[in-house]
């Protein structure tokens, strides 16, 4: 019997074929770590470098940026910390850009530029210097809501300046300052909310019309070295609100003050007061382009004055023409919400 060898059946004996692995899902390209930080660093450097050209068309933000310009340097350590978190070497290097720009703008401000070590005594109080070829002046917004005008007046008298300019005087506080300052300052004049006290005779006292009500005045101080035109000014307040940085009234007052200074015939001019704006704010350029800041030329540091408890801006200043600042400084806080500022000037 013939038999045929059957091929072994493989049905059901072989394992199921293994499915082919799925192709890997393509990973979307990721942005380089720290790229956003690099862009932010370069942007902050550009804003600082070009601050004078930032437009004021949108809510006066250019003016506000210049008011807070010294604080823009905080962008550098903040970005550096973020670069460390991201472990981005490129971002850390980019932080050098805003740091260098800020240093270029403000490093000289941080040095002591006073030209006379004895001009300011211990650095917090001044001493009358008339008769020694100098004149010490002091400016203070005394704050009409000041709870201690007596203490404020005595602190100002203790500074021993030759001329005081006080702004934001009220009907109630003016007699207090007149009484407390009488012994040290035999000459004074008050117009509205501004006043001048002087060791030297004052003449040609007049209002300077910068607003509908009296906010500025001028007088001639007869110093032994010659006459000096002294201005006390309090520009209109500014506000930061939903409408932006509202500065219209202040800017108008600044232009009016600038016109008065431009028309001033005296060769020596000192403008003291609360400008409600910083020296670098381009809106005050009509005034600051004619005058020099004593703090910038002979001070030590930024000399911030407001708010008194923790000053972040310098809106009170001593501006001069025809005199050389020897020293400038900020005094300790009084009962006011502003700190006083002073300077010693050389004829």
Protein backbone atom coordinates (compact mmCIF):
# COMPACT_ATOMS: atom_id res chain seq x y z
CA UNK A 1 0.00 0.00 0.00
CA UNK A 2 1.41 3.07 -1.11
CA UNK A 3 1.60 5.77 1.42
CA UNK A 4 2.48 9.35 0.96
CA UNK A 5 4.30 11.33 3.60
CA UNK A 6 2.14 14.14 4.66
CA UNK A 7 3.70 17.49 5.22
CA UNK A 8 3.30 18.51 8.78
CA UNK A 9 0.51 20.88 9.25
CA UNK A 10 1.46 24.24 10.60
CA UNK A 11 -2.09 25.46 11.01
CA UNK A 12 -2.51 26.72 14.50
CA UNK A 13 1.02 25.82 15.50
CA UNK A 14 2.97 29.08 14.56
CA UNK A 15 2.60 32.21 16.73
CA UNK A 16 0.82 35.27 15.40
CA UNK A 17 3.13 37.57 13.53
CA UNK A 18 4.37 40.55 15.71
CA UNK A 19 2.87 43.84 14.55
CA UNK A 20 5.38 46.33 13.19
CA UNK A 21 6.17 49.16 15.62
CA UNK A 22 4.39 52.43 14.94
CA UNK A 23 6.60 55.16 13.50
CA UNK A 24 7.71 57.67 16.14
CA UNK A 25 5.57 60.77 16.47
CA UNK A 26 7.57 63.74 15.27
CA UNK A 27 8.42 66.10 18.12
CA UNK A 28 7.55 69.68 17.34
CA UNK A 29 10.60 71.92 17.24
CA UNK A 30 11.18 73.65 20.57
CA UNK A 31 12.35 77.20 20.96
CA UNK A 32 15.83 77.64 22.25
CA UNK A 33 15.86 77.97 26.04
CA UNK A 34 15.93 81.58 27.19
CA UNK A 35 15.16 83.06 23.78
CA UNK A 36 12.32 85.12 25.26
CA UNK A 37 14.63 86.34 28.02
CA UNK A 38 17.16 87.43 25.42
CA UNK A 39 14.50 89.44 23.62
CA UNK A 40 13.32 91.02 26.89
CA UNK A 41 16.89 91.96 27.81
CA UNK A 42 17.49 93.61 24.46
CA UNK A 43 14.14 95.39 24.61
CA UNK A 44 14.81 96.80 28.07
CA UNK A 45 18.24 97.99 26.96
CA UNK A 46 16.73 99.68 23.92
CA UNK A 47 14.02 101.40 25.98
CA UNK A 48 16.60 102.76 28.41
CA UNK A 49 18.94 103.93 25.67
CA UNK A 50 16.17 105.59 23.67
CA UNK A 51 14.13 106.96 26.59
CA UNK A 52 14.33 110.53 25.26
CA UNK A 53 12.66 109.42 22.04
CA UNK A 54 9.78 107.39 23.46
CA UNK A 55 6.50 108.93 22.27
CA UNK A 56 4.08 110.55 24.66
CA UNK A 57 1.12 110.03 22.37
CA UNK A 58 -0.23 107.04 24.31
CA UNK A 59 -1.25 108.05 27.83
CA UNK A 60 1.99 110.05 28.34
CA UNK A 61 3.80 106.79 28.98
CA UNK A 62 7.06 108.21 27.65
CA UNK A 63 7.05 110.88 30.36
CA UNK A 64 6.14 108.30 33.01
CA UNK A 65 8.96 106.02 31.84
CA UNK A 66 11.46 108.86 32.20
CA UNK A 67 10.12 109.69 35.66
CA UNK A 68 10.87 106.14 36.79
CA UNK A 69 14.00 105.75 34.66
CA UNK A 70 16.46 105.06 37.53
CA UNK A 71 14.37 102.05 38.56
CA UNK A 72 14.52 100.42 35.13
CA UNK A 73 17.89 99.03 36.18
CA UNK A 74 16.02 96.45 38.24
CA UNK A 75 15.27 94.67 34.97
CA UNK A 76 18.86 93.39 34.84
CA UNK A 77 18.92 91.38 38.12
CA UNK A 78 15.37 90.15 37.50
CA UNK A 79 16.27 88.85 34.06
CA UNK A 80 19.51 87.38 35.36
CA UNK A 81 17.60 85.41 38.01
CA UNK A 82 15.24 84.07 35.35
CA UNK A 83 18.20 83.15 33.16
CA UNK A 84 19.64 81.16 36.06
CA UNK A 85 16.33 79.33 36.51
CA UNK A 86 16.23 78.50 32.81
CA UNK A 87 19.95 77.68 32.85
CA UNK A 88 20.36 79.77 29.76
CA UNK A 89 23.89 81.00 29.26
CA UNK A 90 22.81 83.06 26.25
CA UNK A 91 20.16 84.89 28.29
CA UNK A 92 22.66 85.58 31.07
CA UNK A 93 25.01 87.14 28.55
CA UNK A 94 22.18 89.21 27.05
CA UNK A 95 21.45 90.72 30.48
CA UNK A 96 24.74 92.59 30.10
CA UNK A 97 23.01 94.87 27.57
CA UNK A 98 20.52 96.56 29.96
CA UNK A 99 23.12 96.50 32.75
CA UNK A 100 25.65 98.37 30.64
CA UNK A 101 23.10 100.89 29.38
CA UNK A 102 21.90 101.61 32.92
CA UNK A 103 25.47 101.97 34.14
CA UNK A 104 26.24 104.39 31.32
CA UNK A 105 23.22 106.50 32.26
CA UNK A 106 23.54 106.48 36.03
CA UNK A 107 26.96 105.35 37.23
CA UNK A 108 28.16 108.98 37.54
CA UNK A 109 25.08 109.74 39.66
CA UNK A 110 26.16 107.22 42.28
CA UNK A 111 29.48 108.97 42.94
CA UNK A 112 30.04 111.84 45.35
CA UNK A 113 30.47 114.91 43.16
CA UNK A 114 30.64 117.53 45.90
CA UNK A 115 33.48 119.97 45.39
CA UNK A 116 33.91 120.90 49.03
CA UNK A 117 34.07 118.36 51.86
CA UNK A 118 33.02 121.01 54.38
CA UNK A 119 30.18 122.45 52.33
CA UNK A 120 27.53 120.25 53.89
CA UNK A 121 28.90 119.57 57.34
CA UNK A 122 27.90 116.01 58.19
CA UNK A 123 26.07 115.50 54.92
CA UNK A 124 22.58 116.01 56.34
CA UNK A 125 22.59 119.63 57.39
CA UNK A 126 24.02 122.66 55.72
CA UNK A 127 25.65 125.77 57.12
CA UNK A 128 25.16 129.30 55.91
CA UNK A 129 28.10 130.13 53.68
CA UNK A 130 27.36 133.66 52.53
CA UNK A 131 30.45 135.77 53.06
CA UNK A 132 32.66 132.77 52.25
CA UNK A 133 31.98 133.04 48.52
CA UNK A 134 28.98 130.71 48.69
CA UNK A 135 25.24 130.61 49.25
CA UNK A 136 23.37 127.69 50.84
CA UNK A 137 19.76 127.31 49.75
CA UNK A 138 17.07 124.89 50.88
CA UNK A 139 13.75 123.90 49.34
CA UNK A 140 10.90 122.05 50.98
CA UNK A 141 7.32 121.13 50.17
CA UNK A 142 6.09 121.36 53.75
CA UNK A 143 2.76 119.62 53.00
CA UNK A 144 -0.41 121.50 53.89
CA UNK A 145 -1.55 118.42 55.85
CA UNK A 146 1.71 118.32 57.86
CA UNK A 147 0.76 117.33 61.43
CA UNK A 148 3.87 118.95 62.91
CA UNK A 149 4.67 122.32 61.29
CA UNK A 150 6.49 123.46 64.44
CA UNK A 151 8.89 120.51 64.29
CA UNK A 152 9.33 120.98 60.55
CA UNK A 153 10.13 124.69 60.94
CA UNK A 154 12.68 123.97 63.65
CA UNK A 155 14.32 121.27 61.57
CA UNK A 156 14.61 123.68 58.65
CA UNK A 157 16.05 126.42 60.85
CA UNK A 158 18.57 123.91 62.18
CA UNK A 159 19.84 123.30 58.65
CA UNK A 160 21.27 126.84 58.76
CA UNK A 161 20.77 127.62 55.09
CA UNK A 162 20.93 131.21 53.86
CA UNK A 163 17.67 131.06 51.90
CA UNK A 164 14.61 128.84 52.35
CA UNK A 165 11.90 128.25 49.77
CA UNK A 166 8.74 126.66 51.18
CA UNK A 167 5.78 125.52 49.10
CA UNK A 168 2.35 124.16 49.95
CA UNK A 169 1.91 126.58 52.82
CA UNK A 170 -1.62 126.81 54.22
CA UNK A 171 -3.46 129.60 55.98
CA UNK A 172 -3.04 127.74 59.26
CA UNK A 173 0.61 126.77 58.88
CA UNK A 174 2.01 130.02 57.48
CA UNK A 175 1.89 131.88 60.84
CA UNK A 176 3.66 128.93 62.46
CA UNK A 177 6.57 129.09 60.01
CA UNK A 178 6.72 132.87 60.29
CA UNK A 179 6.99 132.62 64.06
CA UNK A 180 9.45 129.73 64.23
CA UNK A 181 11.76 131.04 61.50
CA UNK A 182 11.76 134.71 62.52
CA UNK A 183 14.90 134.55 64.66
CA UNK A 184 17.07 132.94 61.99
CA UNK A 185 15.51 134.64 58.97
CA UNK A 186 14.67 138.32 59.45
CA UNK A 187 13.49 138.70 55.85
CA UNK A 188 10.62 136.76 54.34
CA UNK A 189 7.76 137.03 51.88
CA UNK A 190 4.74 134.79 51.36
CA UNK A 191 2.42 134.84 48.36
CA UNK A 192 -0.40 132.33 48.38
CA UNK A 193 1.03 128.92 49.16
CA UNK A 194 4.69 129.73 48.47
CA UNK A 195 7.19 131.66 50.54
CA UNK A 196 10.83 132.72 50.80
CA UNK A 197 12.83 133.18 54.00
CA UNK A 198 16.26 134.79 53.86
CA UNK A 199 19.13 136.00 56.01
CA UNK A 200 19.51 138.78 53.45
CA UNK A 201 17.19 141.54 52.40
CA UNK A 202 14.59 140.57 49.82
CA UNK A 203 13.38 143.00 47.19
CA UNK A 204 11.41 142.97 43.95
CA UNK A 205 9.06 140.36 45.39
CA UNK A 206 6.48 139.35 42.79
CA UNK A 207 4.14 136.55 41.84
CA UNK A 208 5.13 134.41 38.88
CA UNK A 209 1.93 133.48 37.10
CA UNK A 210 2.15 129.81 36.25
CA UNK A 211 -1.39 128.79 37.25
CA UNK A 212 -4.74 130.53 37.92
CA UNK A 213 -3.82 130.69 41.62
CA UNK A 214 -0.48 131.63 43.15
CA UNK A 215 2.00 128.75 42.94
CA UNK A 216 5.25 130.58 42.23
CA UNK A 217 7.09 133.75 43.20
CA UNK A 218 10.43 135.45 42.75
CA UNK A 219 12.52 137.87 44.76
CA UNK A 220 16.00 139.33 44.69
CA UNK A 221 18.23 138.38 47.61
CA UNK A 222 20.85 141.04 48.38
CA UNK A 223 23.80 138.82 49.35
CA UNK A 224 27.24 140.29 50.17
CA UNK A 225 28.56 138.78 46.92
CA UNK A 226 25.83 140.41 44.85
CA UNK A 227 22.13 140.05 44.02
CA UNK A 228 20.61 136.65 43.28
CA UNK A 229 17.19 136.11 41.72
CA UNK A 230 15.47 133.42 43.77
CA UNK A 231 12.33 131.62 42.60
CA UNK A 232 10.04 129.39 44.65
CA UNK A 233 7.74 127.28 42.50
CA UNK A 234 5.20 124.52 42.95
CA UNK A 235 4.09 123.05 39.65
CA UNK A 236 0.72 121.36 39.29
CA UNK A 237 0.34 117.81 40.51
CA UNK A 238 0.33 114.78 38.22
CA UNK A 239 -1.72 111.62 38.49
CA UNK A 240 -1.39 108.02 37.33
CA UNK A 241 -4.82 106.63 36.55
CA UNK A 242 -6.77 104.72 33.96
CA UNK A 243 -6.38 107.75 31.73
CA UNK A 244 -2.60 107.36 31.87
CA UNK A 245 -0.07 109.80 33.24
CA UNK A 246 -2.02 113.06 33.42
CA UNK A 247 0.44 115.94 33.15
CA UNK A 248 -1.27 118.65 31.09
CA UNK A 249 -1.56 121.26 33.86
CA UNK A 250 1.97 120.60 35.09
CA UNK A 251 3.39 120.91 31.60
CA UNK A 252 1.55 124.19 31.06
CA UNK A 253 2.89 125.52 34.37
CA UNK A 254 6.41 124.44 33.40
CA UNK A 255 6.19 126.40 30.16
CA UNK A 256 5.00 129.49 32.05
CA UNK A 257 7.84 129.17 34.56
CA UNK A 258 10.31 128.72 31.72
CA UNK A 259 9.11 131.95 30.13
CA UNK A 260 9.64 133.82 33.39
CA UNK A 261 13.16 132.41 33.82
CA UNK A 262 13.98 133.23 30.20
CA UNK A 263 12.92 136.84 30.76
CA UNK A 264 14.83 137.14 34.06
CA UNK A 265 17.50 139.87 33.69
CA UNK A 266 19.59 138.82 36.70
CA UNK A 267 22.77 136.90 35.80
CA UNK A 268 22.47 134.64 38.87
CA UNK A 269 19.25 132.66 39.18
CA UNK A 270 18.19 129.95 41.62
CA UNK A 271 14.89 128.12 41.11
CA UNK A 272 13.70 126.08 44.09
CA UNK A 273 10.59 124.02 44.61
CA UNK A 274 8.46 121.02 43.89
CA UNK A 275 8.37 120.41 40.15
CA UNK A 276 6.17 117.29 40.28
CA UNK A 277 8.52 115.78 37.77
CA UNK A 278 12.12 114.67 37.53
CA UNK A 279 14.98 116.48 35.85
CA UNK A 280 15.12 113.89 33.04
CA UNK A 281 11.40 114.19 32.22
CA UNK A 282 11.33 115.78 28.76
CA UNK A 283 8.11 117.64 29.66
CA UNK A 284 10.18 119.86 31.99
CA UNK A 285 12.77 120.60 29.30
CA UNK A 286 11.55 124.21 28.84
CA UNK A 287 12.81 124.81 32.40
CA UNK A 288 15.68 122.36 32.72
CA UNK A 289 17.24 123.32 29.41
CA UNK A 290 17.95 126.76 30.89
CA UNK A 291 19.14 125.63 34.32
CA UNK A 292 21.46 123.07 35.87
CA UNK A 293 20.54 120.65 38.62
CA UNK A 294 22.70 121.06 41.71
CA UNK A 295 22.11 117.41 42.61
CA UNK A 296 23.29 116.13 39.25
CA UNK A 297 26.42 118.29 39.34
CA UNK A 298 27.40 118.20 43.00
CA UNK A 299 25.26 115.60 44.76
CA UNK A 300 25.84 112.06 45.91
CA UNK A 301 23.33 109.52 44.65
CA UNK A 302 19.86 110.07 43.25
CA UNK A 303 18.63 112.28 46.10
CA UNK A 304 15.09 110.93 45.96
CA UNK A 305 12.55 113.07 47.84
CA UNK A 306 9.10 111.54 47.47
CA UNK A 307 7.35 109.93 49.24
CA UNK A 308 9.27 110.83 52.38
CA UNK A 309 8.87 107.43 54.03
CA UNK A 310 10.46 105.56 51.11
CA UNK A 311 11.50 108.00 48.38
CA UNK A 312 11.47 106.64 44.83
CA UNK A 313 11.61 109.83 42.73
CA UNK A 314 13.26 113.24 42.97
CA UNK A 315 10.57 115.77 42.19
CA UNK A 316 12.00 118.50 44.44
CA UNK A 317 15.14 120.20 43.20
CA UNK A 318 17.58 123.10 43.23
CA UNK A 319 18.14 124.49 39.74
CA UNK A 320 20.70 127.20 39.06
CA UNK A 321 22.11 129.52 36.43
CA UNK A 322 25.17 131.72 36.75
CA UNK A 323 26.39 129.93 39.91
CA UNK A 324 28.48 126.82 40.47
CA UNK A 325 27.04 124.04 42.69
CA UNK A 326 29.56 122.95 45.30
CA UNK A 327 27.42 120.36 47.07
CA UNK A 328 23.84 119.12 47.09
CA UNK A 329 22.06 116.81 49.50
CA UNK A 330 18.71 115.60 50.77
CA UNK A 331 17.76 116.22 54.39
CA UNK A 332 16.03 113.75 56.72
CA UNK A 333 12.25 113.51 56.63
CA UNK A 334 10.12 116.01 58.50
CA UNK A 335 6.36 115.86 59.09
CA UNK A 336 5.86 116.39 55.35
CA UNK A 337 5.34 113.77 52.67
CA UNK A 338 8.38 115.25 50.85
CA UNK A 339 11.98 115.44 51.99
CA UNK A 340 13.83 118.78 51.94
CA UNK A 341 16.67 119.37 49.51
CA UNK A 342 19.59 121.76 49.85
CA UNK A 343 22.65 122.92 47.97
CA UNK A 344 25.66 125.12 48.47
CA UNK A 345 26.40 127.37 45.51
CA UNK A 346 29.52 129.34 44.64
CA UNK A 347 29.42 132.79 43.08
